[in-house]
Amino acid sequence: MMISLGGDAARHYWLTQGMARAVDVNISEAIQAGAITHEDLGIMVVRCRMCNRATQCTGWLGQHGAGAPELPGFCANKTDLEALRGK
């Protein structure tokens, strides 16, 4: 399935991917393993788009990158992404 995102949606897709990578979650592998669906990913992207802290996320990702023990409390997808760790 190809997902076509433009503008704002693309930014939040990549923020969601970045936050996942920060806690060592590979979204593509999670989808292939059946841990989440494409629809679940879409919901996470929408949740990210509804949050007004994208600038904070970008700054946090710039400082922490991969290997973070947890996501910041302000991440709209914190619970879902951290639950995928190790799956």
Protein backbone atom coordinates (compact mmCIF):
# COMPACT_ATOMS: atom_id res chain seq x y z
CA MET A 1 0.00 0.00 0.00
CA MET A 2 1.42 3.39 -1.00
CA ILE A 3 0.73 6.34 1.26
CA SER A 4 0.87 9.74 -0.38
CA LEU A 5 1.35 12.60 2.00
CA GLY A 6 1.87 16.22 1.25
CA GLY A 7 2.77 19.30 3.25
CA ASP A 8 1.76 19.23 6.89
CA ALA A 9 0.81 15.54 6.87
CA ALA A 10 4.26 14.59 5.58
CA ARG A 11 5.92 16.57 8.38
CA HIS A 12 3.91 14.74 11.02
CA TYR A 13 4.46 11.38 9.36
CA TRP A 14 8.21 11.94 9.64
CA LEU A 15 7.93 13.25 13.20
CA THR A 16 6.04 10.08 14.13
CA GLN A 17 8.70 7.96 12.42
CA GLY A 18 11.46 9.91 14.20
CA MET A 19 9.88 9.48 17.61
CA ALA A 20 9.50 5.76 16.92
CA ARG A 21 13.16 5.44 15.94
CA ALA A 22 14.17 7.36 19.07
CA VAL A 23 12.86 4.49 21.19
CA ASP A 24 14.16 1.83 18.79
CA VAL A 25 10.86 1.07 17.08
CA ASN A 26 10.82 0.38 13.36
CA ILE A 27 7.30 1.21 12.14
CA SER A 28 7.69 -0.79 8.91
CA GLU A 29 8.76 -3.88 10.83
CA ALA A 30 5.91 -3.39 13.33
CA ILE A 31 3.42 -3.33 10.44
CA GLN A 32 4.97 -6.42 8.82
CA ALA A 33 4.89 -8.25 12.16
CA GLY A 34 1.22 -7.39 12.62
CA ALA A 35 1.86 -5.34 15.78
CA ILE A 36 0.11 -2.38 14.13
CA THR A 37 -1.77 -1.74 10.90
CA HIS A 38 -1.45 1.00 8.31
CA GLU A 39 -4.64 2.40 9.81
CA ASP A 40 -2.98 2.51 13.25
CA LEU A 41 -0.08 4.44 11.74
CA GLY A 42 -2.55 6.83 10.10
CA ILE A 43 -4.20 7.42 13.47
CA MET A 44 -0.81 8.18 15.03
CA VAL A 45 -0.02 10.67 12.28
CA VAL A 46 -3.41 12.38 12.75
CA ARG A 47 -2.83 12.48 16.51
CA CYS A 48 0.56 14.08 15.87
CA ARG A 49 -1.01 16.63 13.50
CA MET A 50 -3.54 17.59 16.17
CA CYS A 51 -0.77 18.31 18.68
CA ASN A 52 0.66 21.82 18.74
CA ARG A 53 4.15 20.80 19.86
CA ALA A 54 5.81 19.84 16.56
CA THR A 55 8.57 22.40 17.13
CA GLN A 56 9.28 20.87 20.55
CA CYS A 57 9.38 17.40 18.99
CA THR A 58 11.86 18.53 16.37
CA GLY A 59 14.10 20.03 19.05
CA TRP A 60 13.83 16.95 21.26
CA LEU A 61 14.69 14.66 18.34
CA GLY A 62 17.69 16.83 17.53
CA GLN A 63 18.99 16.42 21.06
CA HIS A 64 18.12 12.78 21.73
CA GLY A 65 17.97 10.94 18.41
CA ALA A 66 18.06 7.15 18.70
CA GLY A 67 18.46 5.25 21.93
CA ALA A 68 16.26 7.37 24.17
CA PRO A 69 14.96 5.48 27.20
CA GLU A 70 11.52 7.05 26.74
CA LEU A 71 9.71 9.68 24.75
CA PRO A 72 8.93 13.08 26.22
CA GLY A 73 5.67 13.38 28.12
CA PHE A 74 4.32 15.85 25.57
CA CYS A 75 4.46 13.30 22.71
CA ALA A 76 0.91 12.52 21.60
CA ASN A 77 2.00 9.01 20.59
CA LYS A 78 4.21 8.23 23.59
CA THR A 79 2.11 5.37 24.96
CA ASP A 80 1.56 3.65 21.60
CA LEU A 81 5.14 3.98 20.40
CA GLU A 82 6.70 2.84 23.66
CA ALA A 83 4.32 -0.15 23.72
CA LEU A 84 5.75 -1.27 20.37
CA ARG A 85 9.28 -1.52 21.72
CA GLY A 86 10.50 -5.11 21.51
CA LYS A 87 7.58 -6.31 19.37
